Amino acid sequence: MLQGHLREDEQAIVAFDLICRDGTRCSVDAVIDTGFNGQVSLSRTVANFLDLALAVEGTIEMELASGAIVEEQVYSGPIQFDGQTLTVEIILTDAEDSFIGTGLLTGKVLLINFATRTVTIHDHSL
């Protein structure tokens, strides 16, 4: 089970580990973006700083909140999420925030409690 929180701007945040090329792990706070059906979107700055072991997978067209269509490079790379090491699709962007999309939440239950300002992600079977 993952525990997170709400930021002051009401964005739901949870942390997950990125696995670097040398095998070290670095925790990253990510916004849960239910409008993003991919798995992970990372800041290019974070990805470059951490020297992630990313493999190029291709490109994808994405529609931004503004309605603009952009083509982005898609990579794959290892992360640790909810106690499991996974190879996921990662999109690098110029955004300051990193994001977790609904593609990473398959089989999970997401609870955002605005009264207590807590975020919980757990397996559906629990």
C-alpha atoms as a PDB file:
ATOM      1  CA  MET A   1       0.000   0.000   0.000  1.00  0.00           C
ATOM      2  CA  LEU A   2       1.204   3.498  -0.823  1.00  0.00           C
ATOM      3  CA  GLN A   3       0.427   6.526   1.307  1.00  0.00           C
ATOM      4  CA  GLY A   4       0.483  10.048  -0.028  1.00  0.00           C
ATOM      5  CA  HIS A   5      -0.906  13.495   0.655  1.00  0.00           C
ATOM      6  CA  LEU A   6      -2.558  16.506  -0.911  1.00  0.00           C
ATOM      7  CA  ARG A   7      -0.401  19.485  -1.749  1.00  0.00           C
ATOM      8  CA  GLU A   8      -1.558  22.992  -0.918  1.00  0.00           C
ATOM      9  CA  ASP A   9      -2.913  23.243  -4.486  1.00  0.00           C
ATOM     10  CA  GLU A  10      -5.075  20.107  -3.857  1.00  0.00           C
ATOM     11  CA  GLN A  11      -2.978  17.873  -6.159  1.00  0.00           C
ATOM     12  CA  ALA A  12      -2.753  14.246  -4.955  1.00  0.00           C
ATOM     13  CA  ILE A  13       0.889  13.213  -4.436  1.00  0.00           C
ATOM     14  CA  VAL A  14       2.517   9.805  -3.920  1.00  0.00           C
ATOM     15  CA  ALA A  15       6.175   8.807  -4.056  1.00  0.00           C
ATOM     16  CA  PHE A  16       7.764   6.017  -6.050  1.00  0.00           C
ATOM     17  CA  ASP A  17      11.364   5.002  -6.689  1.00  0.00           C
ATOM     18  CA  LEU A  18      13.202   5.531  -9.948  1.00  0.00           C
ATOM     19  CA  ILE A  19      15.982   3.016 -10.532  1.00  0.00           C
ATOM     20  CA  CYS A  20      19.160   4.618 -11.867  1.00  0.00           C
ATOM     21  CA  ARG A  21      21.648   3.119 -14.315  1.00  0.00           C
ATOM     22  CA  ASP A  22      24.000   2.174 -11.434  1.00  0.00           C
ATOM     23  CA  GLY A  23      21.164   0.411  -9.579  1.00  0.00           C
ATOM     24  CA  THR A  24      20.614   3.073  -6.935  1.00  0.00           C
ATOM     25  CA  ARG A  25      17.105   4.226  -6.206  1.00  0.00           C
ATOM     26  CA  CYS A  26      15.774   7.732  -5.853  1.00  0.00           C
ATOM     27  CA  SER A  27      12.366   8.603  -4.468  1.00  0.00           C
ATOM     28  CA  VAL A  28      10.295  10.977  -6.603  1.00  0.00           C
ATOM     29  CA  ASP A  29       7.053  12.681  -5.622  1.00  0.00           C
ATOM     30  CA  ALA A  30       4.502  12.449  -8.418  1.00  0.00           C
ATOM     31  CA  VAL A  31       1.099  13.989  -9.051  1.00  0.00           C
ATOM     32  CA  ILE A  32      -1.630  11.433  -9.683  1.00  0.00           C
ATOM     33  CA  ASP A  33      -3.123  12.514 -13.013  1.00  0.00           C
ATOM     34  CA  THR A  34      -6.345  10.656 -13.817  1.00  0.00           C
ATOM     35  CA  GLY A  35      -6.492  12.499 -17.142  1.00  0.00           C
ATOM     36  CA  PHE A  36      -3.221  10.838 -18.227  1.00  0.00           C
ATOM     37  CA  ASN A  37      -3.734   7.241 -19.364  1.00  0.00           C
ATOM     38  CA  GLY A  38      -0.022   6.494 -19.628  1.00  0.00           C
ATOM     39  CA  GLN A  39       2.114   5.159 -16.812  1.00  0.00           C
ATOM     40  CA  VAL A  40       4.771   7.735 -15.840  1.00  0.00           C
ATOM     41  CA  SER A  41       5.661  11.219 -17.013  1.00  0.00           C
ATOM     42  CA  LEU A  42       8.937  12.641 -15.715  1.00  0.00           C
ATOM     43  CA  SER A  43      10.591  16.005 -15.845  1.00  0.00           C
ATOM     44  CA  ARG A  44      13.523  15.898 -18.289  1.00  0.00           C
ATOM     45  CA  THR A  45      15.563  17.707 -15.649  1.00  0.00           C
ATOM     46  CA  VAL A  46      14.973  14.895 -13.128  1.00  0.00           C
ATOM     47  CA  ALA A  47      15.691  12.166 -15.695  1.00  0.00           C
ATOM     48  CA  ASN A  48      18.964  13.772 -16.801  1.00  0.00           C
ATOM     49  CA  PHE A  49      20.134  14.487 -13.257  1.00  0.00           C
ATOM     50  CA  LEU A  50      19.530  10.901 -12.101  1.00  0.00           C
ATOM     51  CA  ASP A  51      21.111   9.180 -15.137  1.00  0.00           C
ATOM     52  CA  LEU A  52      18.201   6.797 -15.586  1.00  0.00           C
ATOM     53  CA  ALA A  53      18.543   3.592 -17.582  1.00  0.00           C
ATOM     54  CA  LEU A  54      15.970   4.414 -20.252  1.00  0.00           C
ATOM     55  CA  ALA A  55      15.418   2.595 -23.543  1.00  0.00           C
ATOM     56  CA  VAL A  56      13.785   4.385 -26.489  1.00  0.00           C
ATOM     57  CA  GLU A  57      10.481   2.737 -27.432  1.00  0.00           C
ATOM     58  CA  GLY A  58       9.114   5.146 -30.053  1.00  0.00           C
ATOM     59  CA  THR A  59       6.889   8.207 -30.130  1.00  0.00           C
ATOM     60  CA  ILE A  60       3.322   8.955 -29.156  1.00  0.00           C
ATOM     61  CA  GLU A  61       0.926  11.797 -29.903  1.00  0.00           C
ATOM     62  CA  MET A  62      -0.516  13.359 -26.766  1.00  0.00           C
ATOM     63  CA  GLU A  63      -3.296  15.865 -26.313  1.00  0.00           C
ATOM     64  CA  LEU A  64      -2.471  18.487 -23.709  1.00  0.00           C
ATOM     65  CA  ALA A  65      -5.039  20.126 -21.428  1.00  0.00           C
ATOM     66  CA  SER A  66      -4.925  23.124 -23.782  1.00  0.00           C
ATOM     67  CA  GLY A  67      -6.084  20.901 -26.652  1.00  0.00           C
ATOM     68  CA  ALA A  68      -2.730  21.083 -28.425  1.00  0.00           C
ATOM     69  CA  ILE A  69      -1.428  17.827 -29.909  1.00  0.00           C
ATOM     70  CA  VAL A  70       2.272  17.156 -29.313  1.00  0.00           C
ATOM     71  CA  GLU A  71       4.506  14.258 -30.267  1.00  0.00           C
ATOM     72  CA  GLU A  72       6.635  12.949 -27.414  1.00  0.00           C
ATOM     73  CA  GLN A  73       9.363  10.325 -27.211  1.00  0.00           C
ATOM     74  CA  VAL A  74       8.390   7.231 -25.209  1.00  0.00           C
ATOM     75  CA  TYR A  75      10.991   5.356 -23.172  1.00  0.00           C
ATOM     76  CA  SER A  76      10.880   2.307 -20.959  1.00  0.00           C
ATOM     77  CA  GLY A  77      12.665   2.065 -17.650  1.00  0.00           C
ATOM     78  CA  PRO A  78      12.575   0.418 -14.246  1.00  0.00           C
ATOM     79  CA  ILE A  79      10.763   1.807 -11.219  1.00  0.00           C
ATOM     80  CA  GLN A  80       9.636   0.500  -7.858  1.00  0.00           C
ATOM     81  CA  PHE A  81       5.941   1.121  -7.258  1.00  0.00           C
ATOM     82  CA  ASP A  82       3.886  -0.236  -4.376  1.00  0.00           C
ATOM     83  CA  GLY A  83       6.592  -2.747  -3.458  1.00  0.00           C
ATOM     84  CA  GLN A  84       7.069  -4.116  -6.986  1.00  0.00           C
ATOM     85  CA  THR A  85       9.875  -3.514  -9.461  1.00  0.00           C
ATOM     86  CA  LEU A  86       8.276  -2.781 -12.836  1.00  0.00           C
ATOM     87  CA  THR A  87       9.444  -1.782 -16.292  1.00  0.00           C
ATOM     88  CA  VAL A  88       7.115   1.004 -17.345  1.00  0.00           C
ATOM     89  CA  GLU A  89       6.570   3.417 -20.201  1.00  0.00           C
ATOM     90  CA  ILE A  90       8.034   6.807 -19.341  1.00  0.00           C
ATOM     91  CA  ILE A  91       7.409  10.070 -21.156  1.00  0.00           C
ATOM     92  CA  LEU A  92       9.846  12.926 -20.555  1.00  0.00           C
ATOM     93  CA  THR A  93       8.420  16.440 -20.522  1.00  0.00           C
ATOM     94  CA  ASP A  94       9.428  19.993 -19.722  1.00  0.00           C
ATOM     95  CA  ALA A  95       6.922  20.124 -16.837  1.00  0.00           C
ATOM     96  CA  GLU A  96       8.307  20.707 -13.360  1.00  0.00           C
ATOM     97  CA  ASP A  97       6.153  17.947 -11.864  1.00  0.00           C
ATOM     98  CA  SER A  98       6.352  14.221 -12.442  1.00  0.00           C
ATOM     99  CA  PHE A  99       3.066  12.370 -12.971  1.00  0.00           C
ATOM    100  CA  ILE A 100       1.579   8.920 -12.442  1.00  0.00           C
ATOM    101  CA  GLY A 101      -1.115   8.059 -14.953  1.00  0.00           C
ATOM    102  CA  THR A 102      -3.978   5.611 -14.842  1.00  0.00           C
ATOM    103  CA  GLY A 103      -1.881   3.066 -16.769  1.00  0.00           C
ATOM    104  CA  LEU A 104       0.057   2.470 -13.545  1.00  0.00           C
ATOM    105  CA  LEU A 105      -3.104   2.146 -11.442  1.00  0.00           C
ATOM    106  CA  THR A 106      -4.625  -0.915 -13.151  1.00  0.00           C
ATOM    107  CA  GLY A 107      -5.828  -3.337 -10.469  1.00  0.00           C
ATOM    108  CA  LYS A 108      -5.418  -0.686  -7.757  1.00  0.00           C
ATOM    109  CA  VAL A 109      -7.805   1.286  -5.590  1.00  0.00           C
ATOM    110  CA  LEU A 110      -7.097   5.015  -5.345  1.00  0.00           C
ATOM    111  CA  LEU A 111      -8.590   6.872  -2.394  1.00  0.00           C
ATOM    112  CA  ILE A 112      -8.203  10.621  -2.133  1.00  0.00           C
ATOM    113  CA  ASN A 113      -9.616  11.918   1.136  1.00  0.00           C
ATOM    114  CA  PHE A 114      -9.895  15.680   0.922  1.00  0.00           C
ATOM    115  CA  ALA A 115     -11.102  15.933   4.546  1.00  0.00           C
ATOM    116  CA  THR A 116      -7.958  14.305   5.977  1.00  0.00           C
ATOM    117  CA  ARG A 117      -5.724  15.356   3.039  1.00  0.00           C
ATOM    118  CA  THR A 118      -4.510  11.767   2.608  1.00  0.00           C
ATOM    119  CA  VAL A 119      -3.966   9.650  -0.495  1.00  0.00           C
ATOM    120  CA  THR A 120      -3.938   5.852  -0.450  1.00  0.00           C
ATOM    121  CA  ILE A 121      -3.233   3.377  -3.257  1.00  0.00           C
ATOM    122  CA  HIS A 122      -3.658  -0.338  -2.608  1.00  0.00           C
ATOM    123  CA  ASP A 123      -4.341  -3.549  -4.494  1.00  0.00           C
ATOM    124  CA  HIS A 124      -7.978  -4.229  -5.302  1.00  0.00           C
ATOM    125  CA  SER A 125      -7.815  -7.562  -3.450  1.00  0.00           C
ATOM    126  CA  LEU A 126      -7.187  -5.881  -0.060  1.00  0.00           C
END
